[in-house]
Amino acid sequence: MKFLIHVYLGMLSTASMVQSQSAAPVSANVPLDTPEAHTAGAVLAVDQRWDDAEEFSNISYLGGLLLPEYRSVNLDGSSTDKPAIIQRASHSSSTRIMAIRAWKG
């Protein structure tokens, strides 16, 4: 539980630094140092940019977004650390992009 709280607080901290008002795709390298309101909209905007960064292999954005100790917990209970997330995103392919789009619905 302590770990999940730490991850959540880290994401909120990072979300507060990301500019959510821009409609530009992640490939436009939205700056991470822009102050942001602590709102649900800001968190959703970061989530969308994260999805886009994985889809379009924007590893510099992911590197700046995720804390060094970040872990994603998967449905089966396994976890994926920051380096693995970045590694996976760097190998984007048409098959991966189609799978991401299908998952998003």
Foldseek 3Di string as FASTA:
>chain_A
DVVVVVQVVLQLVQLQQFDQPDPDACVVVGDSRHGHDSDPSSSVSVVVNLLRCLQQLVLVVLVSRGDQAHWDQDPVRDIDGSVRSSVNSNPHDPVNNVVSVVVVD
